[in-house]
Amino acid sequence: MESLTAPLDIRYDAQASKILGADHWRVITPFRYYLGDQYSEQWVTVPAGYLTDGASVPQLVWSLIPPWGSYGQAAVVHDLLCECLAIVVAGEVVSITRKRCDEFFCESMGVLKVPEWKR
């Protein structure tokens, strides 16, 4: 977990889940994910209060890959990246593509030691 500054700390948000019609969780403890190497000049910060639904996996395959698992923190980072389409590079906000979001998702799952077949 060298590229993640804190473990995933989330809490189920019943009110948001009811309003949005699907299960959602709030990040309790903020964390940063350093892209590439630990303490690189590229990162994304997930703030406390951020609302996520975990991995977007079709319910049909939940028995193999549920919305939450060892990749949960990677899914939260991916959700944020897909919403913002931006990372911080040397202190400056830089736009990224959706394709890069997916590449960072795969990278962060590797950091979390998610088996390659799940990535």
PDB file of N, CA and C in Angstrom:
ATOM      1  N   MET A   1       0.822  -1.202   0.000  1.00  0.00           N
ATOM      2  CA  MET A   1       0.000   0.000   0.000  1.00  0.00           C
ATOM      3  C   MET A   1       0.859   1.256   0.000  1.00  0.00           C
ATOM      4  N   GLU A   2       2.070   1.142  -0.437  1.00  0.00           N
ATOM      5  CA  GLU A   2       2.987   2.269  -0.343  1.00  0.00           C
ATOM      6  C   GLU A   2       2.523   3.519  -1.066  1.00  0.00           C
ATOM      7  N   SER A   3       1.660   3.397  -2.065  1.00  0.00           N
ATOM      8  CA  SER A   3       1.211   4.569  -2.804  1.00  0.00           C
ATOM      9  C   SER A   3      -0.087   5.157  -2.252  1.00  0.00           C
ATOM     10  N   LEU A   4      -0.643   4.528  -1.226  1.00  0.00           N
ATOM     11  CA  LEU A   4      -1.868   5.011  -0.579  1.00  0.00           C
ATOM     12  C   LEU A   4      -1.514   5.494   0.818  1.00  0.00           C
ATOM     13  N   THR A   5      -1.979   6.688   1.181  1.00  0.00           N
ATOM     14  CA  THR A   5      -1.540   7.282   2.445  1.00  0.00           C
ATOM     15  C   THR A   5      -2.340   6.848   3.666  1.00  0.00           C
ATOM     16  N   ALA A   6      -3.469   6.149   3.466  1.00  0.00           N
ATOM     17  CA  ALA A   6      -4.275   5.674   4.588  1.00  0.00           C
ATOM     18  C   ALA A   6      -5.143   4.523   4.097  1.00  0.00           C
ATOM     19  N   PRO A   7      -5.526   3.634   4.994  1.00  0.00           N
ATOM     20  CA  PRO A   7      -6.433   2.562   4.583  1.00  0.00           C
ATOM     21  C   PRO A   7      -7.830   3.115   4.298  1.00  0.00           C
ATOM     22  N   LEU A   8      -8.617   2.337   3.579  1.00  0.00           N
ATOM     23  CA  LEU A   8      -9.974   2.754   3.249  1.00  0.00           C
ATOM     24  C   LEU A   8     -10.834   2.749   4.505  1.00  0.00           C
ATOM     25  N   ASP A   9     -11.491   3.873   4.768  1.00  0.00           N
ATOM     26  CA  ASP A   9     -12.375   4.040   5.916  1.00  0.00           C
ATOM     27  C   ASP A   9     -13.660   4.660   5.394  1.00  0.00           C
ATOM     28  N   ILE A  10     -14.698   3.825   5.246  1.00  0.00           N
ATOM     29  CA  ILE A  10     -15.972   4.286   4.693  1.00  0.00           C
ATOM     30  C   ILE A  10     -17.112   3.896   5.620  1.00  0.00           C
ATOM     31  N   ARG A  11     -18.237   4.579   5.444  1.00  0.00           N
ATOM     32  CA  ARG A  11     -19.435   4.272   6.221  1.00  0.00           C
ATOM     33  C   ARG A  11     -20.637   4.315   5.282  1.00  0.00           C
ATOM     34  N   TYR A  12     -21.524   3.338   5.434  1.00  0.00           N
ATOM     35  CA  TYR A  12     -22.740   3.289   4.624  1.00  0.00           C
ATOM     36  C   TYR A  12     -23.566   4.546   4.880  1.00  0.00           C
ATOM     37  N   ASP A  13     -24.056   5.169   3.806  1.00  0.00           N
ATOM     38  CA  ASP A  13     -24.876   6.382   3.919  1.00  0.00           C
ATOM     39  C   ASP A  13     -26.305   6.038   3.496  1.00  0.00           C
ATOM     40  N   ALA A  14     -27.140   5.739   4.482  1.00  0.00           N
ATOM     41  CA  ALA A  14     -28.516   5.317   4.214  1.00  0.00           C
ATOM     42  C   ALA A  14     -29.316   6.406   3.511  1.00  0.00           C
ATOM     43  N   GLN A  15     -29.141   7.657   3.924  1.00  0.00           N
ATOM     44  CA  GLN A  15     -29.900   8.751   3.327  1.00  0.00           C
ATOM     45  C   GLN A  15     -29.539   8.936   1.847  1.00  0.00           C
ATOM     46  N   ALA A  16     -28.260   8.987   1.537  1.00  0.00           N
ATOM     47  CA  ALA A  16     -27.833   9.128   0.142  1.00  0.00           C
ATOM     48  C   ALA A  16     -28.275   7.919  -0.672  1.00  0.00           C
ATOM     49  N   SER A  17     -28.185   6.736  -0.094  1.00  0.00           N
ATOM     50  CA  SER A  17     -28.599   5.520  -0.795  1.00  0.00           C
ATOM     51  C   SER A  17     -30.078   5.561  -1.145  1.00  0.00           C
ATOM     52  N   LYS A  18     -30.889   6.043  -0.208  1.00  0.00           N
ATOM     53  CA  LYS A  18     -32.329   6.146  -0.456  1.00  0.00           C
ATOM     54  C   LYS A  18     -32.611   7.166  -1.563  1.00  0.00           C
ATOM     55  N   ILE A  19     -31.980   8.315  -1.481  1.00  0.00           N
ATOM     56  CA  ILE A  19     -32.185   9.373  -2.477  1.00  0.00           C
ATOM     57  C   ILE A  19     -31.724   8.929  -3.864  1.00  0.00           C
ATOM     58  N   LEU A  20     -30.571   8.260  -3.920  1.00  0.00           N
ATOM     59  CA  LEU A  20     -29.977   7.870  -5.204  1.00  0.00           C
ATOM     60  C   LEU A  20     -30.484   6.527  -5.722  1.00  0.00           C
ATOM     61  N   GLY A  21     -31.197   5.776  -4.872  1.00  0.00           N
ATOM     62  CA  GLY A  21     -31.785   4.515  -5.312  1.00  0.00           C
ATOM     63  C   GLY A  21     -30.791   3.367  -5.451  1.00  0.00           C
ATOM     64  N   ALA A  22     -29.634   3.499  -4.842  1.00  0.00           N
ATOM     65  CA  ALA A  22     -28.612   2.446  -4.856  1.00  0.00           C
ATOM     66  C   ALA A  22     -27.699   2.654  -3.656  1.00  0.00           C
ATOM     67  N   ASP A  23     -27.044   1.584  -3.223  1.00  0.00           N
ATOM     68  CA  ASP A  23     -26.165   1.675  -2.059  1.00  0.00           C
ATOM     69  C   ASP A  23     -24.970   2.586  -2.325  1.00  0.00           C
ATOM     70  N   HIS A  24     -24.718   3.482  -1.360  1.00  0.00           N
ATOM     71  CA  HIS A  24     -23.574   4.402  -1.429  1.00  0.00           C
ATOM     72  C   HIS A  24     -22.920   4.508  -0.050  1.00  0.00           C
ATOM     73  N   TRP A  25     -21.618   4.780  -0.061  1.00  0.00           N
ATOM     74  CA  TRP A  25     -20.827   4.923   1.155  1.00  0.00           C
ATOM     75  C   TRP A  25     -20.088   6.241   1.122  1.00  0.00           C
ATOM     76  N   ARG A  26     -19.816   6.797   2.320  1.00  0.00           N
ATOM     77  CA  ARG A  26     -19.037   8.032   2.445  1.00  0.00           C
ATOM     78  C   ARG A  26     -17.647   7.708   2.962  1.00  0.00           C
ATOM     79  N   VAL A  27     -16.660   8.372   2.394  1.00  0.00           N
ATOM     80  CA  VAL A  27     -15.291   8.241   2.875  1.00  0.00           C
ATOM     81  C   VAL A  27     -15.193   9.013   4.187  1.00  0.00           C
ATOM     82  N   ILE A  28     -14.702   8.364   5.216  1.00  0.00           N
ATOM     83  CA  ILE A  28     -14.571   8.985   6.537  1.00  0.00           C
ATOM     84  C   ILE A  28     -13.181   9.612   6.694  1.00  0.00           C
ATOM     85  N   THR A  29     -12.153   8.872   6.333  1.00  0.00           N
ATOM     86  CA  THR A  29     -10.781   9.357   6.451  1.00  0.00           C
ATOM     87  C   THR A  29     -10.238   9.672   5.055  1.00  0.00           C
ATOM     88  N   PRO A  30      -9.818  10.908   4.806  1.00  0.00           N
ATOM     89  CA  PRO A  30      -9.276  11.236   3.485  1.00  0.00           C
ATOM     90  C   PRO A  30      -7.971  10.465   3.236  1.00  0.00           C
ATOM     91  N   PHE A  31      -7.662  10.260   1.975  1.00  0.00           N
ATOM     92  CA  PHE A  31      -6.398   9.620   1.628  1.00  0.00           C
ATOM     93  C   PHE A  31      -5.934  10.106   0.264  1.00  0.00           C
ATOM     94  N   ARG A  32      -4.679   9.910   0.012  1.00  0.00           N
ATOM     95  CA  ARG A  32      -4.073  10.296  -1.267  1.00  0.00           C
ATOM     96  C   ARG A  32      -3.531   9.034  -1.929  1.00  0.00           C
ATOM     97  N   TYR A  33      -3.681   8.983  -3.240  1.00  0.00           N
ATOM     98  CA  TYR A  33      -3.073   7.906  -4.024  1.00  0.00           C
ATOM     99  C   TYR A  33      -2.033   8.536  -4.931  1.00  0.00           C
ATOM    100  N   TYR A  34      -0.778   8.124  -4.749  1.00  0.00           N
ATOM    101  CA  TYR A  34       0.321   8.600  -5.583  1.00  0.00           C
ATOM    102  C   TYR A  34       0.384   7.729  -6.825  1.00  0.00           C
ATOM    103  N   LEU A  35       0.290   8.343  -7.980  1.00  0.00           N
ATOM    104  CA  LEU A  35       0.280   7.625  -9.241  1.00  0.00           C
ATOM    105  C   LEU A  35       1.703   7.238  -9.626  1.00  0.00           C
ATOM    106  N   GLY A  36       1.877   5.993  -9.975  1.00  0.00           N
ATOM    107  CA  GLY A  36       3.209   5.517 -10.337  1.00  0.00           C
ATOM    108  C   GLY A  36       3.968   5.057  -9.118  1.00  0.00           C
ATOM    109  N   ASP A  37       4.745   5.932  -8.524  1.00  0.00           N
ATOM    110  CA  ASP A  37       5.586   5.586  -7.378  1.00  0.00           C
ATOM    111  C   ASP A  37       5.151   6.332  -6.124  1.00  0.00           C
ATOM    112  N   GLN A  38       5.522   5.772  -4.975  1.00  0.00           N
ATOM    113  CA  GLN A  38       5.228   6.427  -3.706  1.00  0.00           C
ATOM    114  C   GLN A  38       5.825   7.827  -3.695  1.00  0.00           C
ATOM    115  N   TYR A  39       5.024   8.773  -3.312  1.00  0.00           N
ATOM    116  CA  TYR A  39       5.399  10.184  -3.201  1.00  0.00           C
ATOM    117  C   TYR A  39       5.882  10.779  -4.527  1.00  0.00           C
ATOM    118  N   SER A  40       5.303  10.276  -5.626  1.00  0.00           N
ATOM    119  CA  SER A  40       5.602  10.869  -6.924  1.00  0.00           C
ATOM    120  C   SER A  40       4.975  12.265  -6.971  1.00  0.00           C
ATOM    121  N   GLU A  41       5.229  12.975  -8.032  1.00  0.00           N
ATOM    122  CA  GLU A  41       4.663  14.317  -8.175  1.00  0.00           C
ATOM    123  C   GLU A  41       3.279  14.293  -8.791  1.00  0.00           C
ATOM    124  N   GLN A  42       2.702  13.091  -8.941  1.00  0.00           N
ATOM    125  CA  GLN A  42       1.354  12.950  -9.481  1.00  0.00           C
ATOM    126  C   GLN A  42       0.488  12.234  -8.452  1.00  0.00           C
ATOM    127  N   TRP A  43      -0.671  12.798  -8.157  1.00  0.00           N
ATOM    128  CA  TRP A  43      -1.543  12.170  -7.173  1.00  0.00           C
ATOM    129  C   TRP A  43      -2.982  12.610  -7.351  1.00  0.00           C
ATOM    130  N   VAL A  44      -3.834  11.897  -6.617  1.00  0.00           N
ATOM    131  CA  VAL A  44      -5.238  12.271  -6.477  1.00  0.00           C
ATOM    132  C   VAL A  44      -5.551  12.141  -4.991  1.00  0.00           C
ATOM    133  N   THR A  45      -6.288  13.107  -4.467  1.00  0.00           N
ATOM    134  CA  THR A  45      -6.687  13.076  -3.067  1.00  0.00           C
ATOM    135  C   THR A  45      -8.182  12.817  -2.982  1.00  0.00           C
ATOM    136  N   VAL A  46      -8.549  11.791  -2.222  1.00  0.00           N
ATOM    137  CA  VAL A  46      -9.957  11.481  -1.984  1.00  0.00           C
ATOM    138  C   VAL A  46     -10.325  12.136  -0.651  1.00  0.00           C
ATOM    139  N   PRO A  47     -11.221  13.122  -0.689  1.00  0.00           N
ATOM    140  CA  PRO A  47     -11.539  13.860   0.543  1.00  0.00           C
ATOM    141  C   PRO A  47     -12.522  13.114   1.439  1.00  0.00           C
ATOM    142  N   ALA A  48     -12.477  13.432   2.715  1.00  0.00           N
ATOM    143  CA  ALA A  48     -13.500  12.939   3.635  1.00  0.00           C
ATOM    144  C   ALA A  48     -14.844  13.463   3.143  1.00  0.00           C
ATOM    145  N   GLY A  49     -15.856  12.637   3.228  1.00  0.00           N
ATOM    146  CA  GLY A  49     -17.187  13.029   2.776  1.00  0.00           C
ATOM    147  C   GLY A  49     -17.498  12.613   1.352  1.00  0.00           C
ATOM    148  N   TYR A  50     -16.477  12.168   0.613  1.00  0.00           N
ATOM    149  CA  TYR A  50     -16.712  11.755  -0.770  1.00  0.00           C
ATOM    150  C   TYR A  50     -17.682  10.573  -0.793  1.00  0.00           C
ATOM    151  N   LEU A  51     -18.638  10.598  -1.693  1.00  0.00           N
ATOM    152  CA  LEU A  51     -19.680   9.572  -1.810  1.00  0.00           C
ATOM    153  C   LEU A  51     -19.339   8.636  -2.959  1.00  0.00           C
ATOM    154  N   THR A  52     -19.369   7.325  -2.694  1.00  0.00           N
ATOM    155  CA  THR A  52     -19.005   6.330  -3.696  1.00  0.00           C
ATOM    156  C   THR A  52     -19.960   5.145  -3.648  1.00  0.00           C
ATOM    157  N   ASP A  53     -20.028   4.436  -4.763  1.00  0.00           N
ATOM    158  CA  ASP A  53     -20.849   3.217  -4.802  1.00  0.00           C
ATOM    159  C   ASP A  53     -19.983   1.966  -4.959  1.00  0.00           C
ATOM    160  N   GLY A  54     -18.675   2.115  -4.821  1.00  0.00           N
ATOM    161  CA  GLY A  54     -17.782   0.967  -4.974  1.00  0.00           C
ATOM    162  C   GLY A  54     -17.547   0.674  -6.437  1.00  0.00           C
ATOM    163  N   ALA A  55     -17.153  -0.547  -6.729  1.00  0.00           N
ATOM    164  CA  ALA A  55     -16.890  -0.937  -8.113  1.00  0.00           C
ATOM    165  C   ALA A  55     -18.216  -1.109  -8.855  1.00  0.00           C
ATOM    166  N   SER A  56     -18.269  -0.608 -10.053  1.00  0.00           N
ATOM    167  CA  SER A  56     -19.472  -0.734 -10.883  1.00  0.00           C
ATOM    168  C   SER A  56     -19.409  -2.067 -11.616  1.00  0.00           C
ATOM    169  N   VAL A  57     -19.968  -3.070 -10.964  1.00  0.00           N
ATOM    170  CA  VAL A  57     -19.946  -4.431 -11.486  1.00  0.00           C
ATOM    171  C   VAL A  57     -21.390  -4.872 -11.702  1.00  0.00           C
ATOM    172  N   PRO A  58     -21.706  -5.440 -12.876  1.00  0.00           N
ATOM    173  CA  PRO A  58     -23.074  -5.932 -13.094  1.00  0.00           C
ATOM    174  C   PRO A  58     -23.448  -6.968 -12.031  1.00  0.00           C
ATOM    175  N   GLN A  59     -24.657  -6.871 -11.508  1.00  0.00           N
ATOM    176  CA  GLN A  59     -25.096  -7.754 -10.428  1.00  0.00           C
ATOM    177  C   GLN A  59     -24.982  -9.227 -10.815  1.00  0.00           C
ATOM    178  N   LEU A  60     -25.080  -9.524 -12.070  1.00  0.00           N
ATOM    179  CA  LEU A  60     -24.993 -10.901 -12.558  1.00  0.00           C
ATOM    180  C   LEU A  60     -23.671 -11.576 -12.168  1.00  0.00           C
ATOM    181  N   VAL A  61     -22.589 -10.802 -12.032  1.00  0.00           N
ATOM    182  CA  VAL A  61     -21.278 -11.385 -11.709  1.00  0.00           C
ATOM    183  C   VAL A  61     -20.811 -11.075 -10.281  1.00  0.00           C
ATOM    184  N   TRP A  62     -21.709 -10.579  -9.429  1.00  0.00           N
ATOM    185  CA  TRP A  62     -21.340 -10.250  -8.053  1.00  0.00           C
ATOM    186  C   TRP A  62     -20.778 -11.446  -7.290  1.00  0.00           C
ATOM    187  N   SER A  63     -21.175 -12.663  -7.647  1.00  0.00           N
ATOM    188  CA  SER A  63     -20.645 -13.832  -6.930  1.00  0.00           C
ATOM    189  C   SER A  63     -19.146 -13.994  -7.193  1.00  0.00           C
ATOM    190  N   LEU A  64     -18.661 -13.526  -8.345  1.00  0.00           N
ATOM    191  CA  LEU A  64     -17.234 -13.573  -8.673  1.00  0.00           C
ATOM    192  C   LEU A  64     -16.518 -12.290  -8.275  1.00  0.00           C
ATOM    193  N   ILE A  65     -17.144 -11.160  -8.596  1.00  0.00           N
ATOM    194  CA  ILE A  65     -16.537  -9.849  -8.338  1.00  0.00           C
ATOM    195  C   ILE A  65     -17.613  -8.931  -7.749  1.00  0.00           C
ATOM    196  N   PRO A  66     -17.737  -8.899  -6.431  1.00  0.00           N
ATOM    197  CA  PRO A  66     -18.731  -8.019  -5.798  1.00  0.00           C
ATOM    198  C   PRO A  66     -18.296  -6.550  -5.872  1.00  0.00           C
ATOM    199  N   PRO A  67     -19.219  -5.621  -5.598  1.00  0.00           N
ATOM    200  CA  PRO A  67     -18.878  -4.193  -5.647  1.00  0.00           C
ATOM    201  C   PRO A  67     -17.755  -3.804  -4.683  1.00  0.00           C
ATOM    202  N   TRP A  68     -17.581  -4.557  -3.600  1.00  0.00           N
ATOM    203  CA  TRP A  68     -16.527  -4.269  -2.632  1.00  0.00           C
ATOM    204  C   TRP A  68     -15.675  -5.505  -2.438  1.00  0.00           C
ATOM    205  N   GLY A  69     -14.394  -5.286  -2.297  1.00  0.00           N
ATOM    206  CA  GLY A  69     -13.447  -6.372  -2.070  1.00  0.00           C
ATOM    207  C   GLY A  69     -12.087  -5.769  -1.808  1.00  0.00           C
ATOM    208  N   SER A  70     -11.046  -6.529  -2.061  1.00  0.00           N
ATOM    209  CA  SER A  70      -9.693  -6.033  -1.825  1.00  0.00           C
ATOM    210  C   SER A  70      -9.354  -4.837  -2.715  1.00  0.00           C
ATOM    211  N   TYR A  71     -10.147  -4.617  -3.735  1.00  0.00           N
ATOM    212  CA  TYR A  71      -9.966  -3.511  -4.684  1.00  0.00           C
ATOM    213  C   TYR A  71     -10.811  -2.299  -4.329  1.00  0.00           C
ATOM    214  N   GLY A  72     -11.461  -2.294  -3.176  1.00  0.00           N
ATOM    215  CA  GLY A  72     -12.388  -1.223  -2.799  1.00  0.00           C
ATOM    216  C   GLY A  72     -11.776   0.165  -2.859  1.00  0.00           C
ATOM    217  N   GLN A  73     -10.578   0.297  -2.348  1.00  0.00           N
ATOM    218  CA  GLN A  73      -9.938   1.613  -2.345  1.00  0.00           C
ATOM    219  C   GLN A  73      -9.610   2.055  -3.764  1.00  0.00           C
ATOM    220  N   ALA A  74      -9.234   1.118  -4.624  1.00  0.00           N
ATOM    221  CA  ALA A  74      -8.987   1.438  -6.032  1.00  0.00           C
ATOM    222  C   ALA A  74     -10.276   1.895  -6.708  1.00  0.00           C
ATOM    223  N   ALA A  75     -11.397   1.266  -6.343  1.00  0.00           N
ATOM    224  CA  ALA A  75     -12.692   1.651  -6.917  1.00  0.00           C
ATOM    225  C   ALA A  75     -13.066   3.075  -6.509  1.00  0.00           C
ATOM    226  N   VAL A  76     -12.781   3.446  -5.268  1.00  0.00           N
ATOM    227  CA  VAL A  76     -13.071   4.806  -4.801  1.00  0.00           C
ATOM    228  C   VAL A  76     -12.233   5.819  -5.572  1.00  0.00           C
ATOM    229  N   VAL A  77     -10.942   5.523  -5.734  1.00  0.00           N
ATOM    230  CA  VAL A  77     -10.065   6.414  -6.511  1.00  0.00           C
ATOM    231  C   VAL A  77     -10.600   6.536  -7.934  1.00  0.00           C
ATOM    232  N   HIS A  78     -10.977   5.423  -8.532  1.00  0.00           N
ATOM    233  CA  HIS A  78     -11.485   5.418  -9.905  1.00  0.00           C
ATOM    234  C   HIS A  78     -12.761   6.252 -10.013  1.00  0.00           C
ATOM    235  N   ASP A  79     -13.682   6.087  -9.061  1.00  0.00           N
ATOM    236  CA  ASP A  79     -14.918   6.889  -9.073  1.00  0.00           C
ATOM    237  C   ASP A  79     -14.590   8.381  -9.084  1.00  0.00           C
ATOM    238  N   LEU A  80     -13.680   8.793  -8.210  1.00  0.00           N
ATOM    239  CA  LEU A  80     -13.317  10.204  -8.124  1.00  0.00           C
ATOM    240  C   LEU A  80     -12.663  10.680  -9.420  1.00  0.00           C
ATOM    241  N   LEU A  81     -11.737   9.890  -9.943  1.00  0.00           N
ATOM    242  CA  LEU A  81     -11.073  10.275 -11.188  1.00  0.00           C
ATOM    243  C   LEU A  81     -12.071  10.408 -12.336  1.00  0.00           C
ATOM    244  N   CYS A  82     -13.015   9.495 -12.413  1.00  0.00           N
ATOM    245  CA  CYS A  82     -14.014   9.550 -13.493  1.00  0.00           C
ATOM    246  C   CYS A  82     -14.919  10.779 -13.366  1.00  0.00           C
ATOM    247  N   GLU A  83     -15.170  11.216 -12.148  1.00  0.00           N
ATOM    248  CA  GLU A  83     -15.978  12.425 -11.945  1.00  0.00           C
ATOM    249  C   GLU A  83     -15.194  13.684 -12.281  1.00  0.00           C
ATOM    250  N   CYS A  84     -13.946  13.731 -11.852  1.00  0.00           N
ATOM    251  CA  CYS A  84     -13.147  14.959 -11.991  1.00  0.00           C
ATOM    252  C   CYS A  84     -12.350  15.021 -13.294  1.00  0.00           C
ATOM    253  N   LEU A  85     -11.948  13.857 -13.798  1.00  0.00           N
ATOM    254  CA  LEU A  85     -11.070  13.777 -14.971  1.00  0.00           C
ATOM    255  C   LEU A  85      -9.850  14.685 -14.805  1.00  0.00           C
ATOM    256  N   ALA A  86      -9.253  14.621 -13.605  1.00  0.00           N
ATOM    257  CA  ALA A  86      -8.087  15.452 -13.316  1.00  0.00           C
ATOM    258  C   ALA A  86      -7.262  14.814 -12.209  1.00  0.00           C
ATOM    259  N   ILE A  87      -5.950  15.065 -12.268  1.00  0.00           N
ATOM    260  CA  ILE A  87      -5.016  14.676 -11.217  1.00  0.00           C
ATOM    261  C   ILE A  87      -4.160  15.894 -10.898  1.00  0.00           C
ATOM    262  N   VAL A  88      -3.368  15.788  -9.849  1.00  0.00           N
ATOM    263  CA  VAL A  88      -2.419  16.849  -9.513  1.00  0.00           C
ATOM    264  C   VAL A  88      -1.041  16.387  -9.970  1.00  0.00           C
ATOM    265  N   VAL A  89      -0.361  17.257 -10.710  1.00  0.00           N
ATOM    266  CA  VAL A  89       1.001  16.982 -11.156  1.00  0.00           C
ATOM    267  C   VAL A  89       1.864  18.161 -10.725  1.00  0.00           C
ATOM    268  N   ALA A  90       2.818  17.895  -9.842  1.00  0.00           N
ATOM    269  CA  ALA A  90       3.718  18.937  -9.332  1.00  0.00           C
ATOM    270  C   ALA A  90       2.940  20.153  -8.834  1.00  0.00           C
ATOM    271  N   GLY A  91       1.838  19.891  -8.128  1.00  0.00           N
ATOM    272  CA  GLY A  91       1.056  20.967  -7.532  1.00  0.00           C
ATOM    273  C   GLY A  91       0.035  21.624  -8.452  1.00  0.00           C
ATOM    274  N   GLU A  92      -0.007  21.234  -9.715  1.00  0.00           N
ATOM    275  CA  GLU A  92      -0.943  21.811 -10.682  1.00  0.00           C
ATOM    276  C   GLU A  92      -1.998  20.777 -11.068  1.00  0.00           C
ATOM    277  N   VAL A  93      -3.250  21.203 -11.222  1.00  0.00           N
ATOM    278  CA  VAL A  93      -4.314  20.313 -11.673  1.00  0.00           C
ATOM    279  C   VAL A  93      -4.180  20.118 -13.180  1.00  0.00           C
ATOM    280  N   VAL A  94      -4.176  18.846 -13.586  1.00  0.00           N
ATOM    281  CA  VAL A  94      -3.999  18.482 -14.991  1.00  0.00           C
ATOM    282  C   VAL A  94      -5.153  17.586 -15.420  1.00  0.00           C
ATOM    283  N   SER A  95      -5.760  17.881 -16.540  1.00  0.00           N
ATOM    284  CA  SER A  95      -6.852  17.064 -17.073  1.00  0.00           C
ATOM    285  C   SER A  95      -6.328  15.724 -17.568  1.00  0.00           C
ATOM    286  N   ILE A  96      -7.149  14.694 -17.392  1.00  0.00           N
ATOM    287  CA  ILE A  96      -6.832  13.366 -17.908  1.00  0.00           C
ATOM    288  C   ILE A  96      -8.039  12.824 -18.659  1.00  0.00           C
ATOM    289  N   THR A  97      -7.818  11.785 -19.435  1.00  0.00           N
ATOM    290  CA  THR A  97      -8.902  11.149 -20.184  1.00  0.00           C
ATOM    291  C   THR A  97      -9.545  10.046 -19.359  1.00  0.00           C
ATOM    292  N   ARG A  98     -10.695   9.600 -19.794  1.00  0.00           N
ATOM    293  CA  ARG A  98     -11.363   8.478 -19.135  1.00  0.00           C
ATOM    294  C   ARG A  98     -10.480   7.227 -19.242  1.00  0.00           C
ATOM    295  N   LYS A  99      -9.787   7.081 -20.363  1.00  0.00           N
ATOM    296  CA  LYS A  99      -8.889   5.939 -20.544  1.00  0.00           C
ATOM    297  C   LYS A  99      -7.806   5.939 -19.467  1.00  0.00           C
ATOM    298  N   ARG A 100      -7.254   7.104 -19.146  1.00  0.00           N
ATOM    299  CA  ARG A 100      -6.238   7.204 -18.085  1.00  0.00           C
ATOM    300  C   ARG A 100      -6.832   6.840 -16.728  1.00  0.00           C
ATOM    301  N   CYS A 101      -8.090   7.225 -16.499  1.00  0.00           N
ATOM    302  CA  CYS A 101      -8.757   6.839 -15.245  1.00  0.00           C
ATOM    303  C   CYS A 101      -8.741   5.327 -15.095  1.00  0.00           C
ATOM    304  N   ASP A 102      -9.090   4.629 -16.178  1.00  0.00           N
ATOM    305  CA  ASP A 102      -9.125   3.167 -16.150  1.00  0.00           C
ATOM    306  C   ASP A 102      -7.724   2.581 -15.958  1.00  0.00           C
ATOM    307  N   GLU A 103      -6.718   3.195 -16.573  1.00  0.00           N
ATOM    308  CA  GLU A 103      -5.337   2.730 -16.396  1.00  0.00           C
ATOM    309  C   GLU A 103      -4.892   2.899 -14.944  1.00  0.00           C
ATOM    310  N   PHE A 104      -5.260   4.028 -14.319  1.00  0.00           N
ATOM    311  CA  PHE A 104      -4.918   4.240 -12.915  1.00  0.00           C
ATOM    312  C   PHE A 104      -5.663   3.258 -12.014  1.00  0.00           C
ATOM    313  N   PHE A 105      -6.886   2.882 -12.399  1.00  0.00           N
ATOM    314  CA  PHE A 105      -7.657   1.895 -11.649  1.00  0.00           C
ATOM    315  C   PHE A 105      -6.902   0.570 -11.635  1.00  0.00           C
ATOM    316  N   CYS A 106      -6.454   0.141 -12.789  1.00  0.00           N
ATOM    317  CA  CYS A 106      -5.702  -1.109 -12.889  1.00  0.00           C
ATOM    318  C   CYS A 106      -4.406  -1.019 -12.082  1.00  0.00           C
ATOM    319  N   GLU A 107      -3.712   0.109 -12.196  1.00  0.00           N
ATOM    320  CA  GLU A 107      -2.461   0.318 -11.450  1.00  0.00           C
ATOM    321  C   GLU A 107      -2.713   0.236  -9.945  1.00  0.00           C
ATOM    322  N   SER A 108      -3.758   0.910  -9.482  1.00  0.00           N
ATOM    323  CA  SER A 108      -4.024   0.935  -8.043  1.00  0.00           C
ATOM    324  C   SER A 108      -4.463  -0.438  -7.536  1.00  0.00           C
ATOM    325  N   MET A 109      -5.135  -1.226  -8.365  1.00  0.00           N
ATOM    326  CA  MET A 109      -5.467  -2.592  -7.959  1.00  0.00           C
ATOM    327  C   MET A 109      -4.190  -3.416  -7.796  1.00  0.00           C
ATOM    328  N   GLY A 110      -3.195  -3.158  -8.646  1.00  0.00           N
ATOM    329  CA  GLY A 110      -1.903  -3.831  -8.501  1.00  0.00           C
ATOM    330  C   GLY A 110      -1.236  -3.457  -7.189  1.00  0.00           C
ATOM    331  N   VAL A 111      -1.294  -2.180  -6.824  1.00  0.00           N
ATOM    332  CA  VAL A 111      -0.729  -1.715  -5.553  1.00  0.00           C
ATOM    333  C   VAL A 111      -1.399  -2.443  -4.385  1.00  0.00           C
ATOM    334  N   LEU A 112      -2.696  -2.684  -4.515  1.00  0.00           N
ATOM    335  CA  LEU A 112      -3.460  -3.371  -3.472  1.00  0.00           C
ATOM    336  C   LEU A 112      -3.326  -4.895  -3.551  1.00  0.00           C
ATOM    337  N   LYS A 113      -2.494  -5.361  -4.484  1.00  0.00           N
ATOM    338  CA  LYS A 113      -2.226  -6.783  -4.661  1.00  0.00           C
ATOM    339  C   LYS A 113      -3.478  -7.582  -5.023  1.00  0.00           C
ATOM    340  N   VAL A 114      -4.342  -6.967  -5.816  1.00  0.00           N
ATOM    341  CA  VAL A 114      -5.528  -7.662  -6.332  1.00  0.00           C
ATOM    342  C   VAL A 114      -5.041  -8.655  -7.389  1.00  0.00           C
ATOM    343  N   PRO A 115      -5.513  -9.893  -7.353  1.00  0.00           N
ATOM    344  CA  PRO A 115      -5.085 -10.872  -8.356  1.00  0.00           C
ATOM    345  C   PRO A 115      -5.312 -10.348  -9.781  1.00  0.00           C
ATOM    346  N   GLU A 116      -4.395 -10.681 -10.647  1.00  0.00           N
ATOM    347  CA  GLU A 116      -4.438 -10.142 -12.014  1.00  0.00           C
ATOM    348  C   GLU A 116      -5.741 -10.480 -12.723  1.00  0.00           C
ATOM    349  N   TRP A 117      -6.328 -11.640 -12.480  1.00  0.00           N
ATOM    350  CA  TRP A 117      -7.564 -12.002 -13.179  1.00  0.00           C
ATOM    351  C   TRP A 117      -8.736 -11.096 -12.779  1.00  0.00           C
ATOM    352  N   LYS A 118      -8.653 -10.480 -11.595  1.00  0.00           N
ATOM    353  CA  LYS A 118      -9.720  -9.550 -11.174  1.00  0.00           C
ATOM    354  C   LYS A 118      -9.523  -8.160 -11.748  1.00  0.00           C
ATOM    355  N   ARG A 119      -8.292  -7.825 -12.096  1.00  0.00           N
ATOM    356  CA  ARG A 119      -8.018  -6.507 -12.624  1.00  0.00           C
ATOM    357  C   ARG A 119      -8.650  -6.340 -13.989  1.00  0.00           C
TER     358      ARG A 119
END
